[in-house]
C-alpha cells in the first residue's frame, strides 16, 4: 500500500489497459512454463478517507493499493502466487506453475474437474450502476466540509461525534487461458459515525456507488436528535419482547448467512440449510433474502475474481430455503451452476461467499412499525455477534446505541444495551412487517461486500441480562478507529 495525493483518487489505481495487460502477461508466462490451466486477476483500490473525533479531523488518509494473483494448474494440482509488482507479472506466473508442478510430483495428479456452466440469465447492469461522477468528485476538501458540519451539529446539541467519511474507486481485471478477459471499475461512497450526548448514543452507517444515496444532511440531523433522545438510559428487564429492528440491526442479523450453509462448499459436504432444508418454509412470504450482485443498492459488480458472471441467487425465496452461492470449484463439486461468487481475501483460502446480501423491503415507515407494538423494544443496531450453532442458525450478541422501550405504539424510555441469543431463522419466522427504507453496510470490510436491509417488526425476541457485557465494551472512539 502506498500513499498518494487526493487529486488522483477519482481514477482507478491501475486502469483497464495496464490491469488487463499484467494479467495476460502472467497467464502467458504460466502457460509457457507448462501450466495446463492458468488464470490471473488484479484487484485495485484508490481511496480517500477522512476520520474525525470530537472537534477535529485526526486522520486524513489516501490509499493506493493493488494486487495481482495468478493461479496455475499442473496435473490437477493448483498453486497461487500474489504480487503488488506489475513488472513481476510474468515471474509470478512462472512461480505459480513451478509450485503447482512440485505439488503434482509430491502428491500425485488429480482429475481435472469440468468447468461448470453459468446456467443463468445474467441481464445487463443499468447505465450508471457502477460509476457515479459525484462520488468520484467527492474529494478531501468536500469530505472535510461535511465533517465540520457534522461535528458542529453534534457540538451544538451538547455532544460529540466520531467516525469516518470516504470515497474510493475499486477495479477488477480477470484473464484466463480460455480467452476470458474482463475489466470493470466502480465508485464507492461510504460513511459511518456515532454521536454521543451524555450517556445517549446513536449510530449511522451507509454505503453505495452513488453519493446522493447517503443523504448526509438528513442523517446528521436525525442521528443527533436520536442521541439526544437516548439520554437517561435504564436497564432492560430480561424477557421476551416484540421488537422493531432498525435497518442496521436487520443487516447485522443477516451477516452470518454464509455460516448457515448457503454456499456450494456446504452443499457439496452435505451440511447446512440448503443441503438439508431446501424447500422448507422458515419465514413468511414477505421475507425475501438473496445475494444479488446486480442490485442497485449496495455495491453491485458484474463478475467475480474468476471472471464468472455474478448473478442473483435466492437464499430465502419468499421465506423458503432456496439456493447456494458458488465459485467454479464448489459448483463442480456440488453439481450446481457457477453463480460468480468466488471470494479470495488476503488471509483466507479461496471459497464461495455471499457478497451482496439483500432483503427485499416492505412498505411501512418505522413509525408505522412501532405503532403496531403495544409493549416492546426498538433496536437501532446489533453488536458483537457470534455464531453459536450454524445448523440451528443461532447467534449471540447485544443491542447497541439508540434503543428504546415501545409503549402503546410510541418510543418512550431509552434502554441500555442488552444481551440476546436467538435463532436467525426463528427471528425471521416471526416477522410480520417490513420497512420501506434500506441501509447498506460492509460485510466485515468493503472488500468482502455489503448487506442491504430494511427495518423489521418481530413478534417475540428474547433478551437476557443487560449491562456491561461485550455489547458495551467499546467506546465510539474505539469503534471508528
Protein backbone atom coordinates (compact mmCIF):
# COMPACT_ATOMS: atom_id res chain seq x y z
CA UNK A 1 0.00 0.00 0.00
CA UNK A 2 1.32 3.41 -0.93
CA UNK A 3 0.12 6.89 -0.13
CA UNK A 4 -0.95 9.26 -2.89
CA UNK A 5 -2.42 12.73 -3.10
CA UNK A 6 -6.18 13.14 -3.08
CA UNK A 7 -6.07 14.78 -6.50
CA UNK A 8 -5.74 11.45 -8.35
CA UNK A 9 -8.10 9.31 -6.29
CA UNK A 10 -11.08 9.71 -8.62
CA UNK A 11 -9.39 7.32 -11.05
CA UNK A 12 -8.63 3.60 -10.72
CA UNK A 13 -5.34 2.69 -9.09
CA UNK A 14 -4.15 0.83 -12.21
CA UNK A 15 -6.58 1.32 -15.09
CA UNK A 16 -8.04 -1.05 -17.66
CA UNK A 17 -5.16 -1.31 -20.13
CA UNK A 18 -2.40 -1.90 -17.56
CA UNK A 19 -4.52 -4.22 -15.44
CA UNK A 20 -5.57 -6.48 -18.32
CA UNK A 21 -2.05 -6.46 -19.79
CA UNK A 22 -0.49 -7.53 -16.48
CA UNK A 23 -2.98 -10.37 -16.07
CA UNK A 24 -2.44 -11.52 -19.65
CA UNK A 25 1.34 -11.48 -19.20
CA UNK A 26 1.08 -13.65 -16.09
CA UNK A 27 -1.18 -16.15 -17.87
CA UNK A 28 1.11 -16.36 -20.92
CA UNK A 29 4.14 -16.96 -18.71
CA UNK A 30 2.36 -19.67 -16.74
CA UNK A 31 1.30 -21.48 -19.90
CA UNK A 32 4.78 -21.18 -21.39
CA UNK A 33 6.19 -22.72 -18.20
CA UNK A 34 3.95 -25.77 -18.59
CA UNK A 35 0.67 -24.93 -16.84
CA UNK A 36 -2.34 -26.87 -18.11
CA UNK A 37 -4.58 -24.04 -16.96
CA UNK A 38 -3.86 -20.51 -15.83
CA UNK A 39 -5.83 -17.51 -14.68
CA UNK A 40 -4.96 -14.16 -13.17
CA UNK A 41 -6.90 -11.35 -11.60
CA UNK A 42 -5.90 -7.88 -10.49
CA UNK A 43 -7.79 -6.03 -7.78
CA UNK A 44 -7.12 -2.37 -7.15
CA UNK A 45 -8.39 0.33 -4.84
CA UNK A 46 -7.77 4.07 -4.78
CA UNK A 47 -9.48 5.73 -1.84
CA UNK A 48 -9.59 8.76 0.38
CA UNK A 49 -10.87 8.60 3.96
CA UNK A 50 -11.50 11.36 6.48
CA UNK A 51 -11.55 10.14 10.08
CA UNK A 52 -12.73 12.51 12.79
CA UNK A 53 -13.35 12.68 16.53
CA UNK A 54 -14.99 15.35 18.72
CA UNK A 55 -13.86 18.57 17.02
CA UNK A 56 -11.07 17.67 14.60
CA UNK A 57 -10.05 15.52 11.67
CA UNK A 58 -7.46 13.28 13.30
CA UNK A 59 -6.54 11.04 10.36
CA UNK A 60 -6.86 12.11 6.74
CA UNK A 61 -5.89 9.06 4.70
CA UNK A 62 -5.36 8.50 0.98
CA UNK A 63 -4.52 4.98 -0.17
CA UNK A 64 -3.48 3.35 -3.40
CA UNK A 65 -3.34 -0.44 -3.41
CA UNK A 66 -3.28 -3.24 -5.93
CA UNK A 67 -2.68 -6.97 -6.03
CA UNK A 68 -2.12 -9.36 -8.92
CA UNK A 69 -2.85 -13.01 -8.17
CA UNK A 70 -2.01 -15.86 -10.54
CA UNK A 71 -3.35 -19.41 -10.36
CA UNK A 72 -1.67 -22.20 -12.30
CA UNK A 73 -2.79 -25.84 -12.63
CA UNK A 74 -0.47 -28.76 -13.44
CA UNK A 75 -1.89 -32.31 -13.49
CA UNK A 76 -4.89 -31.17 -11.47
CA UNK A 77 -2.79 -29.56 -8.71
CA UNK A 78 -3.02 -25.80 -8.36
CA UNK A 79 -0.92 -23.08 -6.76
CA UNK A 80 -1.31 -19.33 -6.39
CA UNK A 81 1.22 -16.52 -6.31
CA UNK A 82 0.37 -12.91 -5.50
CA UNK A 83 2.39 -9.76 -6.10
CA UNK A 84 1.96 -6.00 -5.99
CA UNK A 85 4.74 -5.52 -8.57
CA UNK A 86 3.14 -5.45 -12.02
CA UNK A 87 6.58 -5.63 -13.61
CA UNK A 88 6.86 -9.05 -11.99
CA UNK A 89 3.67 -10.45 -13.55
CA UNK A 90 5.49 -12.97 -15.75
CA UNK A 91 7.64 -14.12 -12.85
CA UNK A 92 4.52 -14.65 -10.74
CA UNK A 93 3.05 -16.83 -13.49
CA UNK A 94 6.20 -18.94 -13.70
CA UNK A 95 6.43 -19.32 -9.92
CA UNK A 96 2.80 -20.41 -9.65
CA UNK A 97 3.41 -23.04 -12.34
CA UNK A 98 6.56 -24.27 -10.62
CA UNK A 99 4.75 -24.69 -7.32
CA UNK A 100 1.81 -26.48 -8.94
CA UNK A 101 4.21 -28.86 -10.71
CA UNK A 102 6.02 -29.54 -7.43
CA UNK A 103 2.71 -30.37 -5.77
CA UNK A 104 1.82 -32.75 -8.58
CA UNK A 105 5.16 -34.52 -8.25
CA UNK A 106 4.91 -34.78 -4.47
CA UNK A 107 1.24 -35.70 -4.09
CA UNK A 108 0.37 -37.15 -7.47
CA UNK A 109 -2.01 -35.83 -10.10
CA UNK A 110 -5.69 -35.10 -9.54
CA UNK A 111 -8.51 -35.42 -12.08
CA UNK A 112 -9.43 -32.05 -13.52
CA UNK A 113 -12.97 -31.04 -12.63
CA UNK A 114 -15.10 -29.92 -15.57
CA UNK A 115 -15.83 -26.22 -15.62
CA UNK A 116 -19.49 -25.69 -14.66
CA UNK A 117 -21.73 -23.67 -16.92
CA UNK A 118 -23.27 -20.48 -15.63
CA UNK A 119 -26.82 -21.59 -16.39
CA UNK A 120 -28.32 -18.18 -15.58
CA UNK A 121 -29.92 -15.32 -17.47
CA UNK A 122 -27.49 -12.64 -16.37
CA UNK A 123 -29.06 -9.47 -17.70
CA UNK A 124 -27.34 -6.12 -18.03
CA UNK A 125 -26.40 -3.65 -15.32
CA UNK A 126 -28.28 -0.39 -15.66
CA UNK A 127 -26.26 2.55 -17.02
CA UNK A 128 -24.56 4.39 -14.18
CA UNK A 129 -24.87 1.44 -11.79
CA UNK A 130 -21.11 1.17 -11.23
CA UNK A 131 -19.81 4.69 -11.73
CA UNK A 132 -21.11 7.90 -10.17
CA UNK A 133 -19.40 11.18 -11.13
CA UNK A 134 -20.49 12.82 -7.87
CA UNK A 135 -18.80 10.09 -5.85
CA UNK A 136 -15.66 10.36 -7.96
CA UNK A 137 -15.59 14.11 -7.29
CA UNK A 138 -16.09 13.79 -3.51
CA UNK A 139 -12.52 14.72 -2.63
CA UNK A 140 -10.80 15.58 0.63
CA UNK A 141 -11.95 19.24 0.79
CA UNK A 142 -15.58 18.25 0.28
CA UNK A 143 -15.42 15.50 2.88
CA UNK A 144 -13.75 17.81 5.41
CA UNK A 145 -16.53 20.36 4.89
CA UNK A 146 -19.12 17.65 5.53
CA UNK A 147 -17.26 16.51 8.66
CA UNK A 148 -17.09 20.05 10.02
CA UNK A 149 -20.84 20.43 9.61
CA UNK A 150 -21.41 17.11 11.35
CA UNK A 151 -19.16 17.97 14.30
CA UNK A 152 -20.79 21.41 14.63
CA UNK A 153 -24.26 19.85 14.71
CA UNK A 154 -23.22 17.40 17.44
CA UNK A 155 -21.47 20.13 19.42
CA UNK A 156 -24.45 22.47 19.21
CA UNK A 157 -26.56 19.74 20.82
CA UNK A 158 -24.03 19.33 23.63
CA UNK A 159 -22.46 16.20 22.21
CA UNK A 160 -19.54 14.76 20.29
CA UNK A 161 -19.21 12.86 17.00
CA UNK A 162 -16.78 10.14 15.98
CA UNK A 163 -16.49 8.47 12.60
CA UNK A 164 -15.31 8.44 9.02
CA UNK A 165 -16.38 9.53 5.55
CA UNK A 166 -14.73 8.01 2.50
CA UNK A 167 -14.67 7.71 -1.26
CA UNK A 168 -12.99 5.01 -3.32
CA UNK A 169 -12.62 3.61 -6.80
CA UNK A 170 -12.32 -0.18 -6.95
CA UNK A 171 -11.35 -2.18 -10.02
CA UNK A 172 -11.08 -5.81 -11.05
CA UNK A 173 -9.45 -7.36 -14.12
CA UNK A 174 -9.55 -11.08 -14.98
CA UNK A 175 -7.76 -13.01 -17.75
CA UNK A 176 -7.56 -16.79 -18.21
CA UNK A 177 -6.18 -19.37 -20.64
CA UNK A 178 -9.61 -19.95 -22.22
CA UNK A 179 -9.85 -16.40 -23.52
CA UNK A 180 -11.75 -14.75 -20.69
CA UNK A 181 -10.76 -11.07 -20.49
CA UNK A 182 -12.79 -8.76 -18.28
CA UNK A 183 -12.40 -5.42 -16.54
CA UNK A 184 -14.66 -3.13 -14.55
CA UNK A 185 -14.21 -0.16 -12.22
CA UNK A 186 -16.71 1.24 -9.74
CA UNK A 187 -17.07 4.17 -7.37
CA UNK A 188 -17.95 3.77 -3.72
CA UNK A 189 -19.19 6.31 -1.17
CA UNK A 190 -19.07 5.33 2.49
CA UNK A 191 -19.91 6.94 5.80
CA UNK A 192 -20.13 5.86 9.42
CA UNK A 193 -20.35 7.85 12.63
CA UNK A 194 -21.60 7.80 16.20
CA UNK A 195 -22.99 10.81 18.05
CA UNK A 196 -22.76 10.80 21.85
CA UNK A 197 -24.66 13.23 24.08
CA UNK A 198 -24.13 12.46 27.77
CA UNK A 199 -24.96 8.73 28.04
CA UNK A 200 -27.06 8.76 24.88
CA UNK A 201 -25.65 7.49 21.58
CA UNK A 202 -26.88 6.99 18.05
CA UNK A 203 -25.07 5.36 15.15
CA UNK A 204 -25.34 5.52 11.36
CA UNK A 205 -23.60 3.72 8.51
CA UNK A 206 -24.36 3.51 4.81
CA UNK A 207 -22.55 2.88 1.55
CA UNK A 208 -23.42 2.96 -2.12
CA UNK A 209 -21.96 3.51 -5.54
CA UNK A 210 -23.85 6.85 -5.57
CA UNK A 211 -23.01 9.64 -3.14
CA UNK A 212 -26.50 11.15 -3.16
CA UNK A 213 -27.97 7.97 -1.64
CA UNK A 214 -26.13 8.69 1.62
CA UNK A 215 -28.21 11.88 2.13
CA UNK A 216 -25.76 13.19 4.72
CA UNK A 217 -27.63 16.34 5.77
CA UNK A 218 -30.72 14.37 6.73
CA UNK A 219 -28.88 11.57 8.54
CA UNK A 220 -26.77 14.02 10.56
CA UNK A 221 -29.86 15.79 11.85
CA UNK A 222 -31.60 12.51 12.64
CA UNK A 223 -28.60 10.92 14.36
CA UNK A 224 -28.01 13.96 16.57
CA UNK A 225 -31.69 14.03 17.52
CA UNK A 226 -31.69 10.30 18.34
CA UNK A 227 -28.59 10.63 20.53
CA UNK A 228 -30.30 13.37 22.49
CA UNK A 229 -33.43 11.28 22.99
CA UNK A 230 -31.31 8.31 24.11
CA UNK A 231 -30.06 10.09 27.26
CA UNK A 232 -31.03 8.74 30.65
CA UNK A 233 -30.99 5.09 29.67
CA UNK A 234 -32.31 2.39 32.00
CA UNK A 235 -31.66 -1.34 32.16
CA UNK A 236 -33.89 -3.53 30.04
CA UNK A 237 -35.54 -6.24 32.13
CA UNK A 238 -34.88 -9.78 30.95
CA UNK A 239 -37.78 -11.11 28.94
CA UNK A 240 -39.42 -11.65 25.57
CA UNK A 241 -40.49 -8.54 23.69
CA UNK A 242 -42.00 -7.60 20.38
CA UNK A 243 -39.22 -5.67 18.67
CA UNK A 244 -38.65 -3.34 15.78
CA UNK A 245 -35.19 -3.92 14.37
CA UNK A 246 -33.82 -0.88 12.56
CA UNK A 247 -32.25 -1.38 9.10
CA UNK A 248 -28.76 -1.65 10.60
CA UNK A 249 -29.88 -4.31 13.08
CA UNK A 250 -31.56 -6.30 10.31
CA UNK A 251 -28.43 -6.15 8.16
CA UNK A 252 -26.29 -7.32 11.06
CA UNK A 253 -28.71 -10.21 11.63
CA UNK A 254 -28.13 -11.34 8.03
CA UNK A 255 -24.33 -11.10 8.05
CA UNK A 256 -23.89 -14.70 9.20
CA UNK A 257 -25.77 -16.29 6.29
CA UNK A 258 -22.50 -17.64 4.88
CA UNK A 259 -22.16 -19.80 8.01
CA UNK A 260 -25.62 -21.36 7.72
CA UNK A 261 -24.96 -23.47 4.63
CA UNK A 262 -25.78 -21.14 1.74
CA UNK A 263 -22.54 -21.91 -0.15
CA UNK A 264 -21.55 -24.53 -2.70
CA UNK A 265 -18.93 -25.96 -0.35
CA UNK A 266 -21.58 -26.64 2.30
CA UNK A 267 -23.88 -28.26 -0.27
CA UNK A 268 -21.03 -30.46 -1.54
CA UNK A 269 -20.29 -31.52 2.05
CA UNK A 270 -23.96 -32.20 2.78
CA UNK A 271 -24.22 -29.71 5.63
CA UNK A 272 -26.22 -26.58 6.28
CA UNK A 273 -29.55 -25.13 5.28
CA UNK A 274 -29.52 -25.71 1.51
CA UNK A 275 -28.22 -29.29 1.75
CA UNK A 276 -30.64 -30.34 4.48
CA UNK A 277 -33.59 -27.95 4.43
CA UNK A 278 -34.01 -26.83 0.81
CA UNK A 279 -37.68 -26.22 0.06
CA UNK A 280 -38.61 -25.80 3.73
CA UNK A 281 -40.53 -22.70 4.72
CA UNK A 282 -38.73 -20.92 7.57
CA UNK A 283 -40.27 -17.43 7.29
CA UNK A 284 -43.35 -15.72 5.87
CA UNK A 285 -43.57 -14.88 2.15
CA UNK A 286 -42.66 -11.27 2.82
CA UNK A 287 -39.15 -12.29 3.94
CA UNK A 288 -37.15 -12.46 0.71
CA UNK A 289 -33.36 -12.73 1.13
CA UNK A 290 -30.98 -13.02 -1.82
CA UNK A 291 -27.41 -12.46 -2.77
CA UNK A 292 -27.77 -10.03 -5.64
CA UNK A 293 -24.53 -8.64 -7.11
CA UNK A 294 -26.62 -6.73 -9.64
CA UNK A 295 -28.94 -4.97 -7.20
CA UNK A 296 -28.67 -1.21 -7.49
CA UNK A 297 -28.45 -0.73 -3.70
CA UNK A 298 -25.16 -1.61 -2.01
CA UNK A 299 -22.06 -2.45 -4.07
CA UNK A 300 -23.15 -4.10 -7.33
CA UNK A 301 -20.45 -5.65 -9.51
CA UNK A 302 -20.83 -7.74 -12.69
CA UNK A 303 -18.33 -10.59 -12.22
CA UNK A 304 -16.10 -12.30 -9.67
CA UNK A 305 -12.29 -12.84 -9.50
CA UNK A 306 -12.66 -15.95 -11.66
CA UNK A 307 -14.33 -13.93 -14.41
CA UNK A 308 -17.71 -15.62 -13.93
CA UNK A 309 -20.84 -13.52 -14.31
CA UNK A 310 -22.21 -12.71 -10.85
CA UNK A 311 -25.93 -13.44 -10.70
CA UNK A 312 -28.77 -13.11 -8.24
CA UNK A 313 -29.11 -16.18 -6.01
CA UNK A 314 -32.28 -16.54 -3.89
CA UNK A 315 -31.32 -17.69 -0.38
CA UNK A 316 -34.72 -17.46 1.28
CA UNK A 317 -37.13 -17.28 -1.65
CA UNK A 318 -40.16 -15.59 -0.11
CA UNK A 319 -39.47 -17.41 3.13
CA UNK A 320 -38.44 -20.78 1.66
CA UNK A 321 -34.85 -22.11 1.85
CA UNK A 322 -33.62 -21.94 -1.73
CA UNK A 323 -30.16 -21.93 -3.31
CA UNK A 324 -26.45 -21.57 -2.58
CA UNK A 325 -23.80 -19.24 -3.96
CA UNK A 326 -20.89 -20.94 -5.73
CA UNK A 327 -17.50 -20.41 -7.24
CA UNK A 328 -16.24 -22.70 -10.03
CA UNK A 329 -14.71 -25.33 -7.76
CA UNK A 330 -17.65 -25.65 -5.38
CA UNK A 331 -20.11 -25.64 -8.28
CA UNK A 332 -18.28 -28.57 -9.86
CA UNK A 333 -18.14 -30.45 -6.53
CA UNK A 334 -21.80 -29.89 -5.76
CA UNK A 335 -23.14 -30.29 -9.30
CA UNK A 336 -24.52 -26.75 -9.30
CA UNK A 337 -24.26 -23.82 -11.72
CA UNK A 338 -21.46 -21.33 -11.13
CA UNK A 339 -23.02 -18.15 -9.75
CA UNK A 340 -19.97 -15.86 -9.77
CA UNK A 341 -19.34 -15.72 -6.02
CA UNK A 342 -15.65 -16.58 -5.77
CA UNK A 343 -14.03 -14.80 -2.84
CA UNK A 344 -10.30 -14.58 -2.29
CA UNK A 345 -9.23 -12.48 0.68
CA UNK A 346 -5.63 -11.91 1.69
CA UNK A 347 -5.79 -14.10 4.79
CA UNK A 348 -8.16 -16.80 3.51
CA UNK A 349 -8.19 -19.71 1.11
CA UNK A 350 -10.41 -19.28 -1.97
CA UNK A 351 -14.06 -20.08 -1.30
CA UNK A 352 -17.57 -19.08 -2.36
CA UNK A 353 -19.21 -16.40 -0.23
CA UNK A 354 -22.28 -14.15 -0.31
CA UNK A 355 -21.06 -10.64 -1.05
CA UNK A 356 -24.22 -8.70 -1.92
CA UNK A 357 -26.78 -9.77 0.67
CA UNK A 358 -30.13 -8.08 0.22
CA UNK A 359 -33.51 -8.30 1.89
CA UNK A 360 -36.45 -7.00 -0.10
CA UNK A 361 -38.10 -4.05 1.67
CA UNK A 362 -41.74 -3.67 2.57
CA UNK A 363 -43.87 -0.55 2.52
CA UNK A 364 -44.09 0.59 6.16
CA UNK A 365 -42.36 3.53 7.79
CA UNK A 366 -40.51 2.94 11.06
CA UNK A 367 -43.25 4.91 12.84
CA UNK A 368 -45.84 2.52 11.41
CA UNK A 369 -43.82 -0.49 12.54
CA UNK A 370 -43.53 0.97 16.03
CA UNK A 371 -47.22 1.89 16.02
CA UNK A 372 -48.12 -1.79 15.79
CA UNK A 373 -46.35 -2.69 19.05
CA UNK A 374 -48.11 -2.37 22.42
CA UNK A 375 -45.10 -3.30 24.56
CA UNK A 376 -41.68 -3.88 23.10
CA UNK A 377 -38.27 -2.53 22.17
CA UNK A 378 -36.85 -0.58 19.25
CA UNK A 379 -33.31 -1.77 18.44
CA UNK A 380 -31.17 0.53 16.33
CA UNK A 381 -28.38 -1.96 15.77
CA UNK A 382 -26.80 -5.20 16.97
CA UNK A 383 -23.22 -5.63 18.10
CA UNK A 384 -20.52 -8.22 18.77
CA UNK A 385 -22.40 -11.02 17.04
CA UNK A 386 -21.02 -14.54 17.17
CA UNK A 387 -22.48 -17.67 15.57
CA UNK A 388 -23.13 -20.27 18.28
CA UNK A 389 -24.72 -23.11 16.28
CA UNK A 390 -24.61 -22.87 12.47
CA UNK A 391 -27.04 -25.77 11.98
CA UNK A 392 -29.65 -24.05 14.14
CA UNK A 393 -28.67 -20.57 12.80
CA UNK A 394 -28.14 -19.49 16.42
CA UNK A 395 -26.10 -16.43 17.25
CA UNK A 396 -25.44 -14.34 20.32
CA UNK A 397 -24.74 -10.65 20.68
CA UNK A 398 -26.11 -7.43 22.05
CA UNK A 399 -28.22 -4.40 21.21
CA UNK A 400 -26.47 -1.05 20.95
CA UNK A 401 -26.88 2.73 20.72
CA UNK A 402 -30.33 4.32 20.23
CA UNK A 403 -32.64 1.65 21.66
CA UNK A 404 -35.99 2.49 23.29
CA UNK A 405 -38.92 0.89 25.01
CA UNK A 406 -42.07 0.87 22.90
CA UNK A 407 -45.24 1.53 24.87
CA UNK A 408 -48.67 1.84 23.27
CA UNK A 409 -47.13 2.29 19.83
CA UNK A 410 -44.65 5.02 20.80
CA UNK A 411 -40.94 5.18 21.57
CA UNK A 412 -40.55 6.07 25.24
CA UNK A 413 -37.70 5.33 27.67
CA UNK A 414 -34.20 4.74 26.26
CA UNK A 415 -32.64 1.45 27.33
CA UNK A 416 -29.07 0.28 27.80
CA UNK A 417 -27.52 -2.45 25.63
CA UNK A 418 -28.82 -5.94 26.37
CA UNK A 419 -27.55 -9.41 25.53
CA UNK A 420 -29.52 -11.93 23.48
CA UNK A 421 -29.18 -15.40 21.97
CA UNK A 422 -31.57 -16.19 19.13
CA UNK A 423 -32.01 -18.38 16.05
CA UNK A 424 -31.91 -16.21 12.93
CA UNK A 425 -34.47 -18.42 11.19
CA UNK A 426 -36.55 -18.25 14.34
CA UNK A 427 -36.46 -14.46 14.35
CA UNK A 428 -37.31 -14.29 10.65
CA UNK A 429 -40.22 -16.71 11.16
CA UNK A 430 -41.84 -14.18 13.48
CA UNK A 431 -41.58 -11.16 11.16
CA UNK A 432 -44.97 -9.59 10.50
CA UNK A 433 -43.99 -6.33 8.76
CA UNK A 434 -41.06 -4.78 6.90
CA UNK A 435 -39.94 -1.19 6.48
CA UNK A 436 -39.61 0.67 3.20
CA UNK A 437 -36.24 2.35 3.79
CA UNK A 438 -32.98 0.45 3.31
CA UNK A 439 -29.47 0.97 4.68
CA UNK A 440 -26.34 -0.81 3.44
CA UNK A 441 -23.24 -1.68 5.45
CA UNK A 442 -19.97 -3.52 4.80
CA UNK A 443 -19.59 -7.24 5.39
CA UNK A 444 -16.56 -7.07 7.73
CA UNK A 445 -14.96 -4.66 5.27
CA UNK A 446 -15.88 -3.43 1.83
CA UNK A 447 -13.62 -5.98 0.10
CA UNK A 448 -15.97 -8.65 1.47
CA UNK A 449 -19.09 -7.00 0.08
CA UNK A 450 -22.18 -5.40 1.57
CA UNK A 451 -25.53 -6.23 3.13
CA UNK A 452 -28.63 -4.10 2.46
CA UNK A 453 -31.77 -4.44 4.54
CA UNK A 454 -34.92 -2.67 5.81
CA UNK A 455 -36.37 -2.44 9.31
CA UNK A 456 -38.35 -5.44 10.61
CA UNK A 457 -41.09 -5.95 13.16
CA UNK A 458 -40.61 -9.23 15.01
CA UNK A 459 -43.08 -10.80 17.43
CA UNK A 460 -41.17 -12.31 20.34
CA UNK A 461 -37.46 -11.60 20.76
CA UNK A 462 -35.73 -12.81 23.90
CA UNK A 463 -33.25 -10.53 25.71
CA UNK A 464 -31.02 -11.75 28.51
CA UNK A 465 -29.01 -9.72 31.03
CA UNK A 466 -28.30 -6.07 30.29
CA UNK A 467 -25.23 -4.09 31.26
CA UNK A 468 -21.52 -4.20 30.71
CA UNK A 469 -21.19 -7.28 28.52
CA UNK A 470 -19.39 -7.44 25.19
CA UNK A 471 -22.08 -5.27 23.64
CA UNK A 472 -20.93 -2.29 25.70
CA UNK A 473 -17.20 -2.93 25.68
CA UNK A 474 -16.16 -0.35 23.08
CA UNK A 475 -16.40 3.40 23.03
CA UNK A 476 -17.33 5.30 19.85
CA UNK A 477 -13.68 6.34 19.52
CA UNK A 478 -12.51 2.72 19.58
CA UNK A 479 -15.16 1.54 17.16
CA UNK A 480 -14.31 4.05 14.43
CA UNK A 481 -10.53 3.98 14.90
